[in-house]
Amino acid sequence: MIEHNKISDRELRNKIKNAEICFGGNQKLKIYGTLKCSSGKRMKRENRVFFLSENDAKQNGFRPCGHCMKSEYQKWKNGLI
């Protein structure tokens, strides 16, 4: 997990380009989603974190986003994850 406050914009772009970051999340709400999610783009910088994989997000106690990851969210909501 990488906190947005602790990484420069240049480093962030490089990590996304090199597929070292694939998902973003809200640290306060414990929600993760895709980098293209409109909900994630509105998030405050101090709440934003980044993950290499879904597994990384889940291991840190985050749940899937209901907007950009609907099927994963439904599985989580129904207790299948």
PDB file of N, CA and C in Angstrom:
ATOM      1  N   MET A   1       0.844  -1.177   0.000  1.00  0.00           N
ATOM      2  CA  MET A   1       0.000   0.000   0.000  1.00  0.00           C
ATOM      3  C   MET A   1       0.887   1.237   0.000  1.00  0.00           C
ATOM      4  N   ILE A   2       0.584   2.150  -0.902  1.00  0.00           N
ATOM      5  CA  ILE A   2       1.347   3.396  -1.029  1.00  0.00           C
ATOM      6  C   ILE A   2       0.400   4.564  -0.772  1.00  0.00           C
ATOM      7  N   GLU A   3       0.734   5.420   0.165  1.00  0.00           N
ATOM      8  CA  GLU A   3      -0.084   6.594   0.444  1.00  0.00           C
ATOM      9  C   GLU A   3       0.242   7.693  -0.574  1.00  0.00           C
ATOM     10  N   HIS A   4      -0.792   8.355  -1.070  1.00  0.00           N
ATOM     11  CA  HIS A   4      -0.615   9.383  -2.094  1.00  0.00           C
ATOM     12  C   HIS A   4       0.238  10.540  -1.576  1.00  0.00           C
ATOM     13  N   ASN A   5       0.098  10.888  -0.304  1.00  0.00           N
ATOM     14  CA  ASN A   5       0.880  11.985   0.282  1.00  0.00           C
ATOM     15  C   ASN A   5       2.376  11.692   0.327  1.00  0.00           C
ATOM     16  N   LYS A   6       2.748  10.414   0.262  1.00  0.00           N
ATOM     17  CA  LYS A   6       4.149  10.036   0.437  1.00  0.00           C
ATOM     18  C   LYS A   6       4.844   9.681  -0.872  1.00  0.00           C
ATOM     19  N   ILE A   7       4.245  10.084  -1.990  1.00  0.00           N
ATOM     20  CA  ILE A   7       4.842   9.799  -3.288  1.00  0.00           C
ATOM     21  C   ILE A   7       4.662  11.031  -4.183  1.00  0.00           C
ATOM     22  N   SER A   8       5.687  11.339  -4.960  1.00  0.00           N
ATOM     23  CA  SER A   8       5.589  12.496  -5.857  1.00  0.00           C
ATOM     24  C   SER A   8       4.717  12.144  -7.062  1.00  0.00           C
ATOM     25  N   ASP A   9       4.208  13.161  -7.731  1.00  0.00           N
ATOM     26  CA  ASP A   9       3.369  12.939  -8.911  1.00  0.00           C
ATOM     27  C   ASP A   9       4.145  12.218 -10.011  1.00  0.00           C
ATOM     28  N   ARG A  10       5.405  12.553 -10.154  1.00  0.00           N
ATOM     29  CA  ARG A  10       6.250  11.908 -11.178  1.00  0.00           C
ATOM     30  C   ARG A  10       6.424  10.419 -10.872  1.00  0.00           C
ATOM     31  N   GLU A  11       6.736  10.101  -9.602  1.00  0.00           N
ATOM     32  CA  GLU A  11       6.873   8.695  -9.207  1.00  0.00           C
ATOM     33  C   GLU A  11       5.570   7.937  -9.418  1.00  0.00           C
ATOM     34  N   LEU A  12       4.473   8.586  -9.087  1.00  0.00           N
ATOM     35  CA  LEU A  12       3.162   7.963  -9.236  1.00  0.00           C
ATOM     36  C   LEU A  12       2.884   7.626 -10.700  1.00  0.00           C
ATOM     37  N   ARG A  13       3.097   8.581 -11.595  1.00  0.00           N
ATOM     38  CA  ARG A  13       2.886   8.329 -13.025  1.00  0.00           C
ATOM     39  C   ARG A  13       3.761   7.179 -13.521  1.00  0.00           C
ATOM     40  N   ASN A  14       5.018   7.136 -13.077  1.00  0.00           N
ATOM     41  CA  ASN A  14       5.924   6.061 -13.493  1.00  0.00           C
ATOM     42  C   ASN A  14       5.441   4.700 -12.991  1.00  0.00           C
ATOM     43  N   LYS A  15       4.970   4.651 -11.757  1.00  0.00           N
ATOM     44  CA  LYS A  15       4.495   3.382 -11.191  1.00  0.00           C
ATOM     45  C   LYS A  15       3.230   2.895 -11.908  1.00  0.00           C
ATOM     46  N   ILE A  16       2.352   3.826 -12.267  1.00  0.00           N
ATOM     47  CA  ILE A  16       1.147   3.451 -13.011  1.00  0.00           C
ATOM     48  C   ILE A  16       1.529   2.965 -14.402  1.00  0.00           C
ATOM     49  N   LYS A  17       2.430   3.679 -15.064  1.00  0.00           N
ATOM     50  CA  LYS A  17       2.887   3.312 -16.407  1.00  0.00           C
ATOM     51  C   LYS A  17       3.553   1.937 -16.412  1.00  0.00           C
ATOM     52  N   ASN A  18       4.309   1.637 -15.357  1.00  0.00           N
ATOM     53  CA  ASN A  18       5.019   0.352 -15.258  1.00  0.00           C
ATOM     54  C   ASN A  18       4.171  -0.745 -14.613  1.00  0.00           C
ATOM     55  N   ALA A  19       2.894  -0.479 -14.419  1.00  0.00           N
ATOM     56  CA  ALA A  19       1.944  -1.430 -13.831  1.00  0.00           C
ATOM     57  C   ALA A  19       2.331  -1.843 -12.406  1.00  0.00           C
ATOM     58  N   GLU A  20       3.004  -0.952 -11.685  1.00  0.00           N
ATOM     59  CA  GLU A  20       3.321  -1.208 -10.286  1.00  0.00           C
ATOM     60  C   GLU A  20       2.161  -0.763  -9.397  1.00  0.00           C
ATOM     61  N   ILE A  21       1.253   0.031  -9.953  1.00  0.00           N
ATOM     62  CA  ILE A  21       0.038   0.458  -9.271  1.00  0.00           C
ATOM     63  C   ILE A  21      -1.121   0.177 -10.213  1.00  0.00           C
ATOM     64  N   CYS A  22      -2.098  -0.585  -9.743  1.00  0.00           N
ATOM     65  CA  CYS A  22      -3.241  -0.945 -10.582  1.00  0.00           C
ATOM     66  C   CYS A  22      -4.580  -0.546  -9.969  1.00  0.00           C
ATOM     67  N   PHE A  23      -4.610  -0.305  -8.666  1.00  0.00           N
ATOM     68  CA  PHE A  23      -5.845   0.033  -7.968  1.00  0.00           C
ATOM     69  C   PHE A  23      -5.600   1.182  -7.011  1.00  0.00           C
ATOM     70  N   GLY A  24      -6.659   1.940  -6.749  1.00  0.00           N
ATOM     71  CA  GLY A  24      -6.606   3.028  -5.781  1.00  0.00           C
ATOM     72  C   GLY A  24      -7.643   2.783  -4.709  1.00  0.00           C
ATOM     73  N   GLY A  25      -7.454   3.414  -3.551  1.00  0.00           N
ATOM     74  CA  GLY A  25      -8.407   3.214  -2.476  1.00  0.00           C
ATOM     75  C   GLY A  25      -8.531   4.422  -1.575  1.00  0.00           C
ATOM     76  N   ASN A  26      -9.584   4.399  -0.770  1.00  0.00           N
ATOM     77  CA  ASN A  26      -9.824   5.434   0.216  1.00  0.00           C
ATOM     78  C   ASN A  26      -9.447   4.872   1.581  1.00  0.00           C
ATOM     79  N   GLN A  27      -8.421   5.447   2.186  1.00  0.00           N
ATOM     80  CA  GLN A  27      -7.892   4.929   3.437  1.00  0.00           C
ATOM     81  C   GLN A  27      -8.902   5.044   4.579  1.00  0.00           C
ATOM     82  N   LYS A  28      -9.685   6.108   4.609  1.00  0.00           N
ATOM     83  CA  LYS A  28     -10.663   6.286   5.688  1.00  0.00           C
ATOM     84  C   LYS A  28     -11.843   5.338   5.548  1.00  0.00           C
ATOM     85  N   LEU A  29     -12.345   5.169   4.333  1.00  0.00           N
ATOM     86  CA  LEU A  29     -13.532   4.341   4.117  1.00  0.00           C
ATOM     87  C   LEU A  29     -13.209   2.869   3.884  1.00  0.00           C
ATOM     88  N   LYS A  30     -11.928   2.566   3.643  1.00  0.00           N
ATOM     89  CA  LYS A  30     -11.474   1.196   3.384  1.00  0.00           C
ATOM     90  C   LYS A  30     -12.148   0.606   2.144  1.00  0.00           C
ATOM     91  N   ILE A  31     -12.174   1.405   1.052  1.00  0.00           N
ATOM     92  CA  ILE A  31     -12.750   0.985  -0.224  1.00  0.00           C
ATOM     93  C   ILE A  31     -11.663   1.083  -1.285  1.00  0.00           C
ATOM     94  N   TYR A  32     -11.585   0.088  -2.184  1.00  0.00           N
ATOM     95  CA  TYR A  32     -10.633   0.157  -3.292  1.00  0.00           C
ATOM     96  C   TYR A  32     -11.372  -0.014  -4.614  1.00  0.00           C
ATOM     97  N   GLY A  33     -10.778   0.531  -5.679  1.00  0.00           N
ATOM     98  CA  GLY A  33     -11.377   0.413  -7.005  1.00  0.00           C
ATOM     99  C   GLY A  33     -10.352   0.656  -8.090  1.00  0.00           C
ATOM    100  N   THR A  34     -10.835   0.744  -9.319  1.00  0.00           N
ATOM    101  CA  THR A  34      -9.942   0.961 -10.455  1.00  0.00           C
ATOM    102  C   THR A  34      -9.444   2.404 -10.447  1.00  0.00           C
ATOM    103  N   LEU A  35      -8.382   2.645 -11.161  1.00  0.00           N
ATOM    104  CA  LEU A  35      -7.818   4.000 -11.232  1.00  0.00           C
ATOM    105  C   LEU A  35      -8.685   4.940 -12.061  1.00  0.00           C
ATOM    106  N   LYS A  36      -9.588   4.396 -12.861  1.00  0.00           N
ATOM    107  CA  LYS A  36     -10.457   5.221 -13.707  1.00  0.00           C
ATOM    108  C   LYS A  36     -11.799   5.526 -13.062  1.00  0.00           C
ATOM    109  N   CYS A  37     -12.030   5.072 -11.870  1.00  0.00           N
ATOM    110  CA  CYS A  37     -13.314   5.254 -11.187  1.00  0.00           C
ATOM    111  C   CYS A  37     -13.576   6.733 -10.890  1.00  0.00           C
ATOM    112  N   SER A  38     -14.775   7.192 -11.240  1.00  0.00           N
ATOM    113  CA  SER A  38     -15.122   8.595 -11.000  1.00  0.00           C
ATOM    114  C   SER A  38     -15.193   8.909  -9.505  1.00  0.00           C
ATOM    115  N   SER A  39     -15.591   7.958  -8.696  1.00  0.00           N
ATOM    116  CA  SER A  39     -15.632   8.173  -7.243  1.00  0.00           C
ATOM    117  C   SER A  39     -14.226   8.347  -6.693  1.00  0.00           C
ATOM    118  N   GLY A  40     -13.315   7.542  -7.165  1.00  0.00           N
ATOM    119  CA  GLY A  40     -11.925   7.621  -6.708  1.00  0.00           C
ATOM    120  C   GLY A  40     -11.240   8.909  -7.116  1.00  0.00           C
ATOM    121  N   LYS A  41     -11.603   9.425  -8.276  1.00  0.00           N
ATOM    122  CA  LYS A  41     -10.987  10.662  -8.759  1.00  0.00           C
ATOM    123  C   LYS A  41     -11.403  11.872  -7.930  1.00  0.00           C
ATOM    124  N   ARG A  42     -12.558  11.799  -7.266  1.00  0.00           N
ATOM    125  CA  ARG A  42     -13.030  12.910  -6.428  1.00  0.00           C
ATOM    126  C   ARG A  42     -12.463  12.864  -5.003  1.00  0.00           C
ATOM    127  N   MET A  43     -11.774  11.826  -4.679  1.00  0.00           N
ATOM    128  CA  MET A  43     -11.246  11.606  -3.338  1.00  0.00           C
ATOM    129  C   MET A  43     -10.161  12.620  -2.966  1.00  0.00           C
ATOM    130  N   LYS A  44     -10.119  12.987  -1.700  1.00  0.00           N
ATOM    131  CA  LYS A  44      -9.065  13.875  -1.219  1.00  0.00           C
ATOM    132  C   LYS A  44      -7.725  13.148  -1.269  1.00  0.00           C
ATOM    133  N   ARG A  45      -6.696  13.873  -1.605  1.00  0.00           N
ATOM    134  CA  ARG A  45      -5.350  13.313  -1.729  1.00  0.00           C
ATOM    135  C   ARG A  45      -4.884  12.639  -0.439  1.00  0.00           C
ATOM    136  N   GLU A  46      -5.197  13.242   0.714  1.00  0.00           N
ATOM    137  CA  GLU A  46      -4.731  12.680   1.988  1.00  0.00           C
ATOM    138  C   GLU A  46      -5.421  11.362   2.344  1.00  0.00           C
ATOM    139  N   ASN A  47      -6.547  11.055   1.692  1.00  0.00           N
ATOM    140  CA  ASN A  47      -7.245   9.789   1.944  1.00  0.00           C
ATOM    141  C   ASN A  47      -6.890   8.702   0.939  1.00  0.00           C
ATOM    142  N   ARG A  48      -6.213   9.066  -0.155  1.00  0.00           N
ATOM    143  CA  ARG A  48      -5.968   8.148  -1.262  1.00  0.00           C
ATOM    144  C   ARG A  48      -4.740   7.272  -1.023  1.00  0.00           C
ATOM    145  N   VAL A  49      -4.902   5.988  -1.328  1.00  0.00           N
ATOM    146  CA  VAL A  49      -3.798   5.025  -1.275  1.00  0.00           C
ATOM    147  C   VAL A  49      -3.822   4.217  -2.578  1.00  0.00           C
ATOM    148  N   PHE A  50      -2.718   3.553  -2.872  1.00  0.00           N
ATOM    149  CA  PHE A  50      -2.605   2.780  -4.104  1.00  0.00           C
ATOM    150  C   PHE A  50      -2.144   1.361  -3.799  1.00  0.00           C
ATOM    151  N   PHE A  51      -2.578   0.427  -4.667  1.00  0.00           N
ATOM    152  CA  PHE A  51      -2.254  -0.989  -4.493  1.00  0.00           C
ATOM    153  C   PHE A  51      -1.765  -1.583  -5.815  1.00  0.00           C
ATOM    154  N   LEU A  52      -0.918  -2.592  -5.704  1.00  0.00           N
ATOM    155  CA  LEU A  52      -0.442  -3.326  -6.871  1.00  0.00           C
ATOM    156  C   LEU A  52      -1.530  -4.263  -7.383  1.00  0.00           C
ATOM    157  N   SER A  53      -2.300  -4.858  -6.466  1.00  0.00           N
ATOM    158  CA  SER A  53      -3.287  -5.858  -6.863  1.00  0.00           C
ATOM    159  C   SER A  53      -4.513  -5.802  -5.953  1.00  0.00           C
ATOM    160  N   GLU A  54      -5.559  -6.492  -6.391  1.00  0.00           N
ATOM    161  CA  GLU A  54      -6.755  -6.618  -5.553  1.00  0.00           C
ATOM    162  C   GLU A  54      -6.415  -7.358  -4.267  1.00  0.00           C
ATOM    163  N   ASN A  55      -5.580  -8.355  -4.387  1.00  0.00           N
ATOM    164  CA  ASN A  55      -5.180  -9.138  -3.221  1.00  0.00           C
ATOM    165  C   ASN A  55      -4.503  -8.252  -2.174  1.00  0.00           C
ATOM    166  N   ASP A  56      -3.665  -7.348  -2.631  1.00  0.00           N
ATOM    167  CA  ASP A  56      -2.982  -6.400  -1.745  1.00  0.00           C
ATOM    168  C   ASP A  56      -4.008  -5.543  -1.002  1.00  0.00           C
ATOM    169  N   ALA A  57      -5.019  -5.076  -1.719  1.00  0.00           N
ATOM    170  CA  ALA A  57      -6.069  -4.256  -1.103  1.00  0.00           C
ATOM    171  C   ALA A  57      -6.858  -5.062  -0.076  1.00  0.00           C
ATOM    172  N   LYS A  58      -7.227  -6.273  -0.440  1.00  0.00           N
ATOM    173  CA  LYS A  58      -8.000  -7.126   0.475  1.00  0.00           C
ATOM    174  C   LYS A  58      -7.205  -7.465   1.721  1.00  0.00           C
ATOM    175  N   GLN A  59      -5.908  -7.720   1.569  1.00  0.00           N
ATOM    176  CA  GLN A  59      -5.059  -8.037   2.723  1.00  0.00           C
ATOM    177  C   GLN A  59      -4.953  -6.864   3.683  1.00  0.00           C
ATOM    178  N   ASN A  60      -5.149  -5.644   3.177  1.00  0.00           N
ATOM    179  CA  ASN A  60      -5.114  -4.454   4.020  1.00  0.00           C
ATOM    180  C   ASN A  60      -6.496  -4.085   4.556  1.00  0.00           C
ATOM    181  N   GLY A  61      -7.488  -4.964   4.347  1.00  0.00           N
ATOM    182  CA  GLY A  61      -8.815  -4.769   4.910  1.00  0.00           C
ATOM    183  C   GLY A  61      -9.746  -3.885   4.100  1.00  0.00           C
ATOM    184  N   PHE A  62      -9.487  -3.704   2.808  1.00  0.00           N
ATOM    185  CA  PHE A  62     -10.323  -2.868   1.955  1.00  0.00           C
ATOM    186  C   PHE A  62     -11.374  -3.721   1.247  1.00  0.00           C
ATOM    187  N   ARG A  63     -12.522  -3.108   0.922  1.00  0.00           N
ATOM    188  CA  ARG A  63     -13.586  -3.790   0.189  1.00  0.00           C
ATOM    189  C   ARG A  63     -13.697  -3.187  -1.211  1.00  0.00           C
ATOM    190  N   PRO A  64     -14.292  -3.923  -2.173  1.00  0.00           N
ATOM    191  CA  PRO A  64     -14.428  -3.412  -3.541  1.00  0.00           C
ATOM    192  C   PRO A  64     -15.399  -2.227  -3.631  1.00  0.00           C
ATOM    193  N   CYS A  65     -15.163  -1.356  -4.586  1.00  0.00           N
ATOM    194  CA  CYS A  65     -16.016  -0.199  -4.859  1.00  0.00           C
ATOM    195  C   CYS A  65     -17.319  -0.656  -5.517  1.00  0.00           C
ATOM    196  N   GLY A  66     -18.431  -0.093  -5.089  1.00  0.00           N
ATOM    197  CA  GLY A  66     -19.724  -0.438  -5.663  1.00  0.00           C
ATOM    198  C   GLY A  66     -19.985   0.195  -7.014  1.00  0.00           C
ATOM    199  N   HIS A  67     -19.183   1.189  -7.414  1.00  0.00           N
ATOM    200  CA  HIS A  67     -19.386   1.859  -8.698  1.00  0.00           C
ATOM    201  C   HIS A  67     -18.599   1.204  -9.821  1.00  0.00           C
ATOM    202  N   CYS A  68     -17.313   1.037  -9.652  1.00  0.00           N
ATOM    203  CA  CYS A  68     -16.463   0.551 -10.749  1.00  0.00           C
ATOM    204  C   CYS A  68     -16.203  -0.956 -10.704  1.00  0.00           C
ATOM    205  N   MET A  69     -16.541  -1.596  -9.595  1.00  0.00           N
ATOM    206  CA  MET A  69     -16.290  -3.037  -9.451  1.00  0.00           C
ATOM    207  C   MET A  69     -17.569  -3.726  -8.963  1.00  0.00           C
ATOM    208  N   LYS A  70     -18.633  -3.572  -9.733  1.00  0.00           N
ATOM    209  CA  LYS A  70     -19.959  -4.026  -9.297  1.00  0.00           C
ATOM    210  C   LYS A  70     -20.036  -5.512  -8.971  1.00  0.00           C
ATOM    211  N   SER A  71     -19.482  -6.354  -9.814  1.00  0.00           N
ATOM    212  CA  SER A  71     -19.591  -7.799  -9.554  1.00  0.00           C
ATOM    213  C   SER A  71     -18.793  -8.204  -8.310  1.00  0.00           C
ATOM    214  N   GLU A  72     -17.597  -7.641  -8.149  1.00  0.00           N
ATOM    215  CA  GLU A  72     -16.798  -7.939  -6.958  1.00  0.00           C
ATOM    216  C   GLU A  72     -17.478  -7.402  -5.706  1.00  0.00           C
ATOM    217  N   TYR A  73     -18.100  -6.207  -5.830  1.00  0.00           N
ATOM    218  CA  TYR A  73     -18.811  -5.615  -4.702  1.00  0.00           C
ATOM    219  C   TYR A  73     -19.990  -6.502  -4.285  1.00  0.00           C
ATOM    220  N   GLN A  74     -20.759  -7.006  -5.265  1.00  0.00           N
ATOM    221  CA  GLN A  74     -21.889  -7.879  -4.952  1.00  0.00           C
ATOM    222  C   GLN A  74     -21.429  -9.153  -4.248  1.00  0.00           C
ATOM    223  N   LYS A  75     -20.320  -9.721  -4.698  1.00  0.00           N
ATOM    224  CA  LYS A  75     -19.771 -10.909  -4.044  1.00  0.00           C
ATOM    225  C   LYS A  75     -19.380 -10.588  -2.606  1.00  0.00           C
ATOM    226  N   TRP A  76     -18.739  -9.433  -2.402  1.00  0.00           N
ATOM    227  CA  TRP A  76     -18.347  -9.018  -1.056  1.00  0.00           C
ATOM    228  C   TRP A  76     -19.590  -8.793  -0.190  1.00  0.00           C
ATOM    229  N   LYS A  77     -20.573  -8.122  -0.751  1.00  0.00           N
ATOM    230  CA  LYS A  77     -21.805  -7.806  -0.017  1.00  0.00           C
ATOM    231  C   LYS A  77     -22.556  -9.064   0.385  1.00  0.00           C
ATOM    232  N   ASN A  78     -22.547 -10.061  -0.482  1.00  0.00           N
ATOM    233  CA  ASN A  78     -23.235 -11.325  -0.202  1.00  0.00           C
ATOM    234  C   ASN A  78     -22.395 -12.288   0.626  1.00  0.00           C
ATOM    235  N   GLY A  79     -21.210 -11.845   1.020  1.00  0.00           N
ATOM    236  CA  GLY A  79     -20.359 -12.663   1.883  1.00  0.00           C
ATOM    237  C   GLY A  79     -19.584 -13.737   1.179  1.00  0.00           C
ATOM    238  N   LEU A  80     -19.448 -13.625  -0.142  1.00  0.00           N
ATOM    239  CA  LEU A  80     -18.727 -14.655  -0.902  1.00  0.00           C
ATOM    240  C   LEU A  80     -17.227 -14.401  -0.942  1.00  0.00           C
ATOM    241  N   ILE A  81     -16.809 -13.189  -0.583  1.00  0.00           N
ATOM    242  CA  ILE A  81     -15.369 -12.870  -0.577  1.00  0.00           C
ATOM    243  C   ILE A  81     -14.913 -12.810   0.860  1.00  0.00           C
TER     244      ILE A  81
END
